[in-house]
């Protein structure tokens, strides 16, 4: 197995992780920014005010995008496992 081939597999794995986590991370980022602006405007600095909305938003995003996220991970895993016998001969 060559270094280039290993680098290609690592690159595919990192892209898969980024794609699978992107919806939840983006929703958490947007909700966090909105809550931070609200806290700055209202001068209410309660810890639960920033924590609870993000948890709820990320949970909802996982419910909405979960099927798509699982499909991405399963597709990558299927590709890796279906070519597993080829990896030892390179």
PDB file of N, CA and C in Angstrom:
ATOM      1  N   UNK A   1       0.851  -1.175   0.000  1.00  0.00           N
ATOM      2  CA  UNK A   1       0.000   0.000   0.000  1.00  0.00           C
ATOM      3  C   UNK A   1       0.896   1.237   0.000  1.00  0.00           C
ATOM      4  N   UNK A   2       0.692   2.108  -0.938  1.00  0.00           N
ATOM      5  CA  UNK A   2       1.553   3.275  -1.068  1.00  0.00           C
ATOM      6  C   UNK A   2       1.065   4.408  -0.170  1.00  0.00           C
ATOM      7  N   UNK A   3       1.953   5.341   0.035  1.00  0.00           N
ATOM      8  CA  UNK A   3       1.629   6.508   0.865  1.00  0.00           C
ATOM      9  C   UNK A   3       0.515   7.327   0.222  1.00  0.00           C
ATOM     10  N   UNK A   4       0.538   7.439  -1.078  1.00  0.00           N
ATOM     11  CA  UNK A   4      -0.502   8.207  -1.774  1.00  0.00           C
ATOM     12  C   UNK A   4      -1.877   7.581  -1.573  1.00  0.00           C
ATOM     13  N   UNK A   5      -1.920   6.251  -1.610  1.00  0.00           N
ATOM     14  CA  UNK A   5      -3.187   5.552  -1.419  1.00  0.00           C
ATOM     15  C   UNK A   5      -3.716   5.750  -0.001  1.00  0.00           C
ATOM     16  N   UNK A   6      -2.834   5.669   0.977  1.00  0.00           N
ATOM     17  CA  UNK A   6      -3.231   5.887   2.372  1.00  0.00           C
ATOM     18  C   UNK A   6      -3.704   7.328   2.560  1.00  0.00           C
ATOM     19  N   UNK A   7      -3.000   8.257   1.950  1.00  0.00           N
ATOM     20  CA  UNK A   7      -3.418   9.658   2.033  1.00  0.00           C
ATOM     21  C   UNK A   7      -4.790   9.876   1.406  1.00  0.00           C
ATOM     22  N   UNK A   8      -5.083   9.171   0.319  1.00  0.00           N
ATOM     23  CA  UNK A   8      -6.382   9.277  -0.332  1.00  0.00           C
ATOM     24  C   UNK A   8      -7.493   8.743   0.574  1.00  0.00           C
ATOM     25  N   UNK A   9      -7.253   7.637   1.249  1.00  0.00           N
ATOM     26  CA  UNK A   9      -8.249   7.079   2.172  1.00  0.00           C
ATOM     27  C   UNK A   9      -8.471   8.020   3.347  1.00  0.00           C
ATOM     28  N   UNK A  10      -7.398   8.583   3.880  1.00  0.00           N
ATOM     29  CA  UNK A  10      -7.523   9.527   4.994  1.00  0.00           C
ATOM     30  C   UNK A  10      -8.290  10.770   4.548  1.00  0.00           C
ATOM     31  N   UNK A  11      -8.007  11.249   3.342  1.00  0.00           N
ATOM     32  CA  UNK A  11      -8.723  12.407   2.813  1.00  0.00           C
ATOM     33  C   UNK A  11     -10.206  12.120   2.677  1.00  0.00           C
ATOM     34  N   UNK A  12     -10.555  10.953   2.155  1.00  0.00           N
ATOM     35  CA  UNK A  12     -11.971  10.570   2.032  1.00  0.00           C
ATOM     36  C   UNK A  12     -12.629  10.465   3.400  1.00  0.00           C
ATOM     37  N   UNK A  13     -11.915   9.936   4.379  1.00  0.00           N
ATOM     38  CA  UNK A  13     -12.465   9.806   5.727  1.00  0.00           C
ATOM     39  C   UNK A  13     -12.725  11.177   6.346  1.00  0.00           C
ATOM     40  N   UNK A  14     -11.785  12.095   6.171  1.00  0.00           N
ATOM     41  CA  UNK A  14     -11.965  13.441   6.729  1.00  0.00           C
ATOM     42  C   UNK A  14     -13.115  14.182   6.043  1.00  0.00           C
ATOM     43  N   UNK A  15     -13.232  14.036   4.746  1.00  0.00           N
ATOM     44  CA  UNK A  15     -14.347  14.673   4.027  1.00  0.00           C
ATOM     45  C   UNK A  15     -15.670  14.081   4.483  1.00  0.00           C
ATOM     46  N   UNK A  16     -15.705  12.775   4.704  1.00  0.00           N
ATOM     47  CA  UNK A  16     -16.922  12.131   5.191  1.00  0.00           C
ATOM     48  C   UNK A  16     -17.304  12.650   6.567  1.00  0.00           C
ATOM     49  N   UNK A  17     -16.334  12.784   7.446  1.00  0.00           N
ATOM     50  CA  UNK A  17     -16.610  13.305   8.788  1.00  0.00           C
ATOM     51  C   UNK A  17     -17.110  14.744   8.721  1.00  0.00           C
ATOM     52  N   UNK A  18     -16.488  15.559   7.894  1.00  0.00           N
ATOM     53  CA  UNK A  18     -16.919  16.952   7.764  1.00  0.00           C
ATOM     54  C   UNK A  18     -18.326  17.059   7.186  1.00  0.00           C
ATOM     55  N   UNK A  19     -18.629  16.259   6.174  1.00  0.00           N
ATOM     56  CA  UNK A  19     -19.973  16.287   5.585  1.00  0.00           C
ATOM     57  C   UNK A  19     -21.018  15.787   6.572  1.00  0.00           C
ATOM     58  N   UNK A  20     -20.688  14.732   7.310  1.00  0.00           N
ATOM     59  CA  UNK A  20     -21.665  14.155   8.234  1.00  0.00           C
ATOM     60  C   UNK A  20     -21.932  15.063   9.423  1.00  0.00           C
ATOM     61  N   UNK A  21     -20.946  15.825   9.847  1.00  0.00           N
ATOM     62  CA  UNK A  21     -21.132  16.676  11.023  1.00  0.00           C
ATOM     63  C   UNK A  21     -21.547  18.106  10.679  1.00  0.00           C
ATOM     64  N   UNK A  22     -21.506  18.463   9.409  1.00  0.00           N
ATOM     65  CA  UNK A  22     -21.768  19.853   9.012  1.00  0.00           C
ATOM     66  C   UNK A  22     -23.158  20.360   9.393  1.00  0.00           C
ATOM     67  N   UNK A  23     -24.245  19.620   9.174  1.00  0.00           N
ATOM     68  CA  UNK A  23     -25.559  20.185   9.523  1.00  0.00           C
ATOM     69  C   UNK A  23     -25.694  20.528  11.011  1.00  0.00           C
ATOM     70  N   UNK A  24     -25.286  19.615  11.877  1.00  0.00           N
ATOM     71  CA  UNK A  24     -25.403  19.866  13.314  1.00  0.00           C
ATOM     72  C   UNK A  24     -24.489  21.007  13.749  1.00  0.00           C
ATOM     73  N   UNK A  25     -23.292  21.053  13.193  1.00  0.00           N
ATOM     74  CA  UNK A  25     -22.357  22.116  13.566  1.00  0.00           C
ATOM     75  C   UNK A  25     -22.841  23.485  13.094  1.00  0.00           C
ATOM     76  N   UNK A  26     -23.366  23.546  11.893  1.00  0.00           N
ATOM     77  CA  UNK A  26     -23.865  24.828  11.378  1.00  0.00           C
ATOM     78  C   UNK A  26     -25.080  25.316  12.160  1.00  0.00           C
ATOM     79  N   UNK A  27     -25.987  24.409  12.484  1.00  0.00           N
ATOM     80  CA  UNK A  27     -27.159  24.798  13.274  1.00  0.00           C
ATOM     81  C   UNK A  27     -26.724  25.270  14.658  1.00  0.00           C
ATOM     82  N   UNK A  28     -25.794  24.568  15.276  1.00  0.00           N
ATOM     83  CA  UNK A  28     -25.279  24.997  16.582  1.00  0.00           C
ATOM     84  C   UNK A  28     -24.602  26.353  16.519  1.00  0.00           C
ATOM     85  N   UNK A  29     -23.862  26.590  15.444  1.00  0.00           N
ATOM     86  CA  UNK A  29     -23.199  27.883  15.267  1.00  0.00           C
ATOM     87  C   UNK A  29     -24.203  29.012  15.115  1.00  0.00           C
ATOM     88  N   UNK A  30     -25.210  28.804  14.278  1.00  0.00           N
ATOM     89  CA  UNK A  30     -26.206  29.850  14.034  1.00  0.00           C
ATOM     90  C   UNK A  30     -27.002  30.144  15.299  1.00  0.00           C
ATOM     91  N   UNK A  31     -27.441  29.098  15.990  1.00  0.00           N
ATOM     92  CA  UNK A  31     -28.208  29.306  17.222  1.00  0.00           C
ATOM     93  C   UNK A  31     -27.327  29.963  18.281  1.00  0.00           C
ATOM     94  N   UNK A  32     -26.076  29.579  18.372  1.00  0.00           N
ATOM     95  CA  UNK A  32     -25.163  30.200  19.323  1.00  0.00           C
ATOM     96  C   UNK A  32     -24.961  31.682  19.053  1.00  0.00           C
ATOM     97  N   UNK A  33     -24.848  32.049  17.778  1.00  0.00           N
ATOM     98  CA  UNK A  33     -24.701  33.462  17.428  1.00  0.00           C
ATOM     99  C   UNK A  33     -25.955  34.262  17.768  1.00  0.00           C
ATOM    100  N   UNK A  34     -27.115  33.681  17.468  1.00  0.00           N
ATOM    101  CA  UNK A  34     -28.369  34.373  17.774  1.00  0.00           C
ATOM    102  C   UNK A  34     -28.524  34.563  19.281  1.00  0.00           C
ATOM    103  N   UNK A  35     -28.234  33.541  20.046  1.00  0.00           N
ATOM    104  CA  UNK A  35     -28.352  33.640  21.502  1.00  0.00           C
ATOM    105  C   UNK A  35     -27.331  34.632  22.052  1.00  0.00           C
ATOM    106  N   UNK A  36     -26.129  34.653  21.502  1.00  0.00           N
ATOM    107  CA  UNK A  36     -25.110  35.604  21.964  1.00  0.00           C
ATOM    108  C   UNK A  36     -25.517  37.043  21.691  1.00  0.00           C
ATOM    109  N   UNK A  37     -26.087  37.287  20.514  1.00  0.00           N
ATOM    110  CA  UNK A  37     -26.565  38.634  20.203  1.00  0.00           C
ATOM    111  C   UNK A  37     -27.692  39.019  21.152  1.00  0.00           C
ATOM    112  N   UNK A  38     -28.598  38.080  21.418  1.00  0.00           N
ATOM    113  CA  UNK A  38     -29.694  38.356  22.356  1.00  0.00           C
ATOM    114  C   UNK A  38     -29.160  38.659  23.753  1.00  0.00           C
ATOM    115  N   UNK A  39     -28.163  37.899  24.201  1.00  0.00           N
ATOM    116  CA  UNK A  39     -27.580  38.147  25.520  1.00  0.00           C
ATOM    117  C   UNK A  39     -26.861  39.490  25.570  1.00  0.00           C
ATOM    118  N   UNK A  40     -26.199  39.857  24.499  1.00  0.00           N
ATOM    119  CA  UNK A  40     -25.495  41.139  24.474  1.00  0.00           C
ATOM    120  C   UNK A  40     -26.476  42.299  24.488  1.00  0.00           C
ATOM    121  N   UNK A  41     -27.587  42.164  23.775  1.00  0.00           N
ATOM    122  CA  UNK A  41     -28.577  43.243  23.713  1.00  0.00           C
ATOM    123  C   UNK A  41     -29.330  43.365  25.023  1.00  0.00           C
ATOM    124  N   UNK A  42     -29.725  42.235  25.592  1.00  0.00           N
ATOM    125  CA  UNK A  42     -30.548  42.278  26.802  1.00  0.00           C
ATOM    126  C   UNK A  42     -29.727  42.293  28.083  1.00  0.00           C
ATOM    127  N   UNK A  43     -28.443  42.085  28.000  1.00  0.00           N
ATOM    128  CA  UNK A  43     -27.529  42.031  29.141  1.00  0.00           C
ATOM    129  C   UNK A  43     -27.933  40.965  30.151  1.00  0.00           C
ATOM    130  N   UNK A  44     -28.517  39.883  29.642  1.00  0.00           N
ATOM    131  CA  UNK A  44     -28.827  38.722  30.472  1.00  0.00           C
ATOM    132  C   UNK A  44     -27.739  37.685  30.186  1.00  0.00           C
ATOM    133  N   UNK A  45     -26.976  37.349  31.205  1.00  0.00           N
ATOM    134  CA  UNK A  45     -25.871  36.411  31.016  1.00  0.00           C
ATOM    135  C   UNK A  45     -26.108  35.156  31.843  1.00  0.00           C
ATOM    136  N   UNK A  46     -27.113  34.423  31.464  1.00  0.00           N
ATOM    137  CA  UNK A  46     -27.446  33.162  32.118  1.00  0.00           C
ATOM    138  C   UNK A  46     -26.840  32.026  31.300  1.00  0.00           C
ATOM    139  N   UNK A  47     -26.184  31.083  31.972  1.00  0.00           N
ATOM    140  CA  UNK A  47     -25.506  29.992  31.280  1.00  0.00           C
ATOM    141  C   UNK A  47     -26.509  29.097  30.557  1.00  0.00           C
ATOM    142  N   UNK A  48     -27.628  28.818  31.204  1.00  0.00           N
ATOM    143  CA  UNK A  48     -28.610  27.931  30.579  1.00  0.00           C
ATOM    144  C   UNK A  48     -29.257  28.569  29.359  1.00  0.00           C
ATOM    145  N   UNK A  49     -29.260  29.886  29.292  1.00  0.00           N
ATOM    146  CA  UNK A  49     -29.849  30.559  28.139  1.00  0.00           C
ATOM    147  C   UNK A  49     -29.050  30.281  26.871  1.00  0.00           C
ATOM    148  N   UNK A  50     -27.753  30.077  26.994  1.00  0.00           N
ATOM    149  CA  UNK A  50     -26.948  29.772  25.807  1.00  0.00           C
ATOM    150  C   UNK A  50     -26.846  28.267  25.568  1.00  0.00           C
ATOM    151  N   UNK A  51     -27.001  27.470  26.596  1.00  0.00           N
ATOM    152  CA  UNK A  51     -26.791  26.031  26.478  1.00  0.00           C
ATOM    153  C   UNK A  51     -28.036  25.292  25.983  1.00  0.00           C
ATOM    154  N   UNK A  52     -29.168  25.554  26.572  1.00  0.00           N
ATOM    155  CA  UNK A  52     -30.397  24.816  26.269  1.00  0.00           C
ATOM    156  C   UNK A  52     -30.850  25.009  24.813  1.00  0.00           C
ATOM    157  N   UNK A  53     -30.906  26.235  24.270  1.00  0.00           N
ATOM    158  CA  UNK A  53     -31.338  26.369  22.870  1.00  0.00           C
ATOM    159  C   UNK A  53     -30.421  25.642  21.877  1.00  0.00           C
ATOM    160  N   UNK A  54     -29.121  25.637  22.149  1.00  0.00           N
ATOM    161  CA  UNK A  54     -28.204  24.932  21.250  1.00  0.00           C
ATOM    162  C   UNK A  54     -28.434  23.431  21.293  1.00  0.00           C
ATOM    163  N   UNK A  55     -28.654  22.894  22.485  1.00  0.00           N
ATOM    164  CA  UNK A  55     -28.920  21.462  22.616  1.00  0.00           C
ATOM    165  C   UNK A  55     -30.186  21.087  21.863  1.00  0.00           C
ATOM    166  N   UNK A  56     -31.234  21.878  22.038  1.00  0.00           N
ATOM    167  CA  UNK A  56     -32.498  21.595  21.363  1.00  0.00           C
ATOM    168  C   UNK A  56     -32.345  21.715  19.843  1.00  0.00           C
ATOM    169  N   UNK A  57     -31.665  22.756  19.389  1.00  0.00           N
ATOM    170  CA  UNK A  57     -31.489  22.958  17.945  1.00  0.00           C
ATOM    171  C   UNK A  57     -30.658  21.841  17.316  1.00  0.00           C
ATOM    172  N   UNK A  58     -29.616  21.417  17.984  1.00  0.00           N
ATOM    173  CA  UNK A  58     -28.788  20.338  17.453  1.00  0.00           C
ATOM    174  C   UNK A  58     -29.572  19.031  17.440  1.00  0.00           C
ATOM    175  N   UNK A  59     -30.366  18.783  18.474  1.00  0.00           N
ATOM    176  CA  UNK A  59     -31.199  17.586  18.496  1.00  0.00           C
ATOM    177  C   UNK A  59     -32.191  17.584  17.337  1.00  0.00           C
ATOM    178  N   UNK A  60     -32.822  18.717  17.083  1.00  0.00           N
ATOM    179  CA  UNK A  60     -33.772  18.818  15.967  1.00  0.00           C
ATOM    180  C   UNK A  60     -33.053  18.634  14.633  1.00  0.00           C
ATOM    181  N   UNK A  61     -31.863  19.223  14.504  1.00  0.00           N
ATOM    182  CA  UNK A  61     -31.123  19.059  13.249  1.00  0.00           C
ATOM    183  C   UNK A  61     -30.703  17.609  13.041  1.00  0.00           C
ATOM    184  N   UNK A  62     -30.385  16.900  14.118  1.00  0.00           N
ATOM    185  CA  UNK A  62     -30.061  15.482  13.979  1.00  0.00           C
ATOM    186  C   UNK A  62     -31.280  14.672  13.570  1.00  0.00           C
ATOM    187  N   UNK A  63     -32.451  15.066  14.056  1.00  0.00           N
ATOM    188  CA  UNK A  63     -33.675  14.382  13.638  1.00  0.00           C
ATOM    189  C   UNK A  63     -33.965  14.640  12.159  1.00  0.00           C
ATOM    190  N   UNK A  64     -33.706  15.851  11.704  1.00  0.00           N
ATOM    191  CA  UNK A  64     -33.994  16.203  10.312  1.00  0.00           C
ATOM    192  C   UNK A  64     -32.948  15.635   9.362  1.00  0.00           C
ATOM    193  N   UNK A  65     -31.682  15.820   9.680  1.00  0.00           N
ATOM    194  CA  UNK A  65     -30.600  15.428   8.782  1.00  0.00           C
ATOM    195  C   UNK A  65     -29.973  14.080   9.120  1.00  0.00           C
ATOM    196  N   UNK A  66     -30.474  13.393  10.133  1.00  0.00           N
ATOM    197  CA  UNK A  66     -29.867  12.143  10.581  1.00  0.00           C
ATOM    198  C   UNK A  66     -29.806  11.072   9.514  1.00  0.00           C
ATOM    199  N   UNK A  67     -30.873  10.931   8.753  1.00  0.00           N
ATOM    200  CA  UNK A  67     -30.907   9.917   7.701  1.00  0.00           C
ATOM    201  C   UNK A  67     -29.836  10.196   6.649  1.00  0.00           C
ATOM    202  N   UNK A  68     -29.713  11.450   6.253  1.00  0.00           N
ATOM    203  CA  UNK A  68     -28.701  11.836   5.268  1.00  0.00           C
ATOM    204  C   UNK A  68     -27.288  11.607   5.814  1.00  0.00           C
ATOM    205  N   UNK A  69     -27.085  11.940   7.087  1.00  0.00           N
ATOM    206  CA  UNK A  69     -25.778  11.774   7.704  1.00  0.00           C
ATOM    207  C   UNK A  69     -25.393  10.299   7.785  1.00  0.00           C
ATOM    208  N   UNK A  70     -26.345   9.471   8.157  1.00  0.00           N
ATOM    209  CA  UNK A  70     -26.070   8.035   8.243  1.00  0.00           C
ATOM    210  C   UNK A  70     -25.769   7.463   6.862  1.00  0.00           C
ATOM    211  N   UNK A  71     -26.481   7.928   5.842  1.00  0.00           N
ATOM    212  CA  UNK A  71     -26.223   7.449   4.488  1.00  0.00           C
ATOM    213  C   UNK A  71     -24.797   7.764   4.041  1.00  0.00           C
ATOM    214  N   UNK A  72     -24.304   8.940   4.379  1.00  0.00           N
ATOM    215  CA  UNK A  72     -22.929   9.309   4.011  1.00  0.00           C
ATOM    216  C   UNK A  72     -21.924   8.389   4.696  1.00  0.00           C
ATOM    217  N   UNK A  73     -22.109   8.155   5.978  1.00  0.00           N
ATOM    218  CA  UNK A  73     -21.172   7.307   6.726  1.00  0.00           C
ATOM    219  C   UNK A  73     -21.254   5.861   6.254  1.00  0.00           C
ATOM    220  N   UNK A  74     -22.456   5.360   6.013  1.00  0.00           N
ATOM    221  CA  UNK A  74     -22.622   3.977   5.545  1.00  0.00           C
ATOM    222  C   UNK A  74     -22.028   3.798   4.149  1.00  0.00           C
ATOM    223  N   UNK A  75     -22.196   4.782   3.285  1.00  0.00           N
ATOM    224  CA  UNK A  75     -21.608   4.699   1.943  1.00  0.00           C
ATOM    225  C   UNK A  75     -20.089   4.618   2.017  1.00  0.00           C
ATOM    226  N   UNK A  76     -19.480   5.457   2.845  1.00  0.00           N
ATOM    227  CA  UNK A  76     -18.023   5.422   3.003  1.00  0.00           C
ATOM    228  C   UNK A  76     -17.577   4.079   3.579  1.00  0.00           C
ATOM    229  N   UNK A  77     -18.276   3.608   4.605  1.00  0.00           N
ATOM    230  CA  UNK A  77     -17.914   2.337   5.237  1.00  0.00           C
ATOM    231  C   UNK A  77     -18.060   1.177   4.266  1.00  0.00           C
ATOM    232  N   UNK A  78     -19.118   1.197   3.468  1.00  0.00           N
ATOM    233  CA  UNK A  78     -19.321   0.146   2.472  1.00  0.00           C
ATOM    234  C   UNK A  78     -18.197   0.146   1.445  1.00  0.00           C
ATOM    235  N   UNK A  79     -17.774   1.322   1.011  1.00  0.00           N
ATOM    236  CA  UNK A  79     -16.661   1.406   0.051  1.00  0.00           C
ATOM    237  C   UNK A  79     -15.376   0.845   0.649  1.00  0.00           C
ATOM    238  N   UNK A  80     -15.104   1.200   1.893  1.00  0.00           N
ATOM    239  CA  UNK A  80     -13.879   0.717   2.542  1.00  0.00           C
ATOM    240  C   UNK A  80     -13.929  -0.796   2.719  1.00  0.00           C
ATOM    241  N   UNK A  81     -15.045  -1.305   3.230  1.00  0.00           N
ATOM    242  CA  UNK A  81     -15.123  -2.739   3.506  1.00  0.00           C
ATOM    243  C   UNK A  81     -15.214  -3.579   2.234  1.00  0.00           C
ATOM    244  N   UNK A  82     -15.821  -3.062   1.185  1.00  0.00           N
ATOM    245  CA  UNK A  82     -15.902  -3.833  -0.055  1.00  0.00           C
ATOM    246  C   UNK A  82     -14.552  -3.940  -0.747  1.00  0.00           C
ATOM    247  N   UNK A  83     -13.673  -2.998  -0.518  1.00  0.00           N
ATOM    248  CA  UNK A  83     -12.327  -3.026  -1.111  1.00  0.00           C
ATOM    249  C   UNK A  83     -11.259  -3.482  -0.120  1.00  0.00           C
ATOM    250  N   UNK A  84     -11.669  -4.059   0.983  1.00  0.00           N
ATOM    251  CA  UNK A  84     -10.723  -4.440   2.031  1.00  0.00           C
ATOM    252  C   UNK A  84      -9.712  -5.476   1.550  1.00  0.00           C
ATOM    253  N   UNK A  85     -10.135  -6.396   0.719  1.00  0.00           N
ATOM    254  CA  UNK A  85      -9.200  -7.410   0.230  1.00  0.00           C
ATOM    255  C   UNK A  85      -8.148  -6.809  -0.697  1.00  0.00           C
ATOM    256  N   UNK A  86      -8.455  -5.715  -1.344  1.00  0.00           N
ATOM    257  CA  UNK A  86      -7.485  -5.076  -2.241  1.00  0.00           C
ATOM    258  C   UNK A  86      -6.420  -4.292  -1.489  1.00  0.00           C
ATOM    259  N   UNK A  87      -6.703  -3.890  -0.270  1.00  0.00           N
ATOM    260  CA  UNK A  87      -5.764  -3.039   0.457  1.00  0.00           C
ATOM    261  C   UNK A  87      -4.508  -3.791   0.887  1.00  0.00           C
ATOM    262  N   UNK A  88      -4.601  -5.056   1.164  1.00  0.00           N
ATOM    263  CA  UNK A  88      -3.452  -5.811   1.606  1.00  0.00           C
ATOM    264  C   UNK A  88      -2.495  -6.153   0.483  1.00  0.00           C
ATOM    265  N   UNK A  89      -2.979  -6.166  -0.758  1.00  0.00           N
ATOM    266  CA  UNK A  89      -2.123  -6.560  -1.883  1.00  0.00           C
ATOM    267  C   UNK A  89      -1.375  -5.389  -2.494  1.00  0.00           C
ATOM    268  N   UNK A  90      -1.657  -4.200  -2.056  1.00  0.00           N
ATOM    269  CA  UNK A  90      -1.003  -3.037  -2.688  1.00  0.00           C
ATOM    270  C   UNK A  90       0.335  -2.772  -2.066  1.00  0.00           C
TER     271      UNK A  90
END
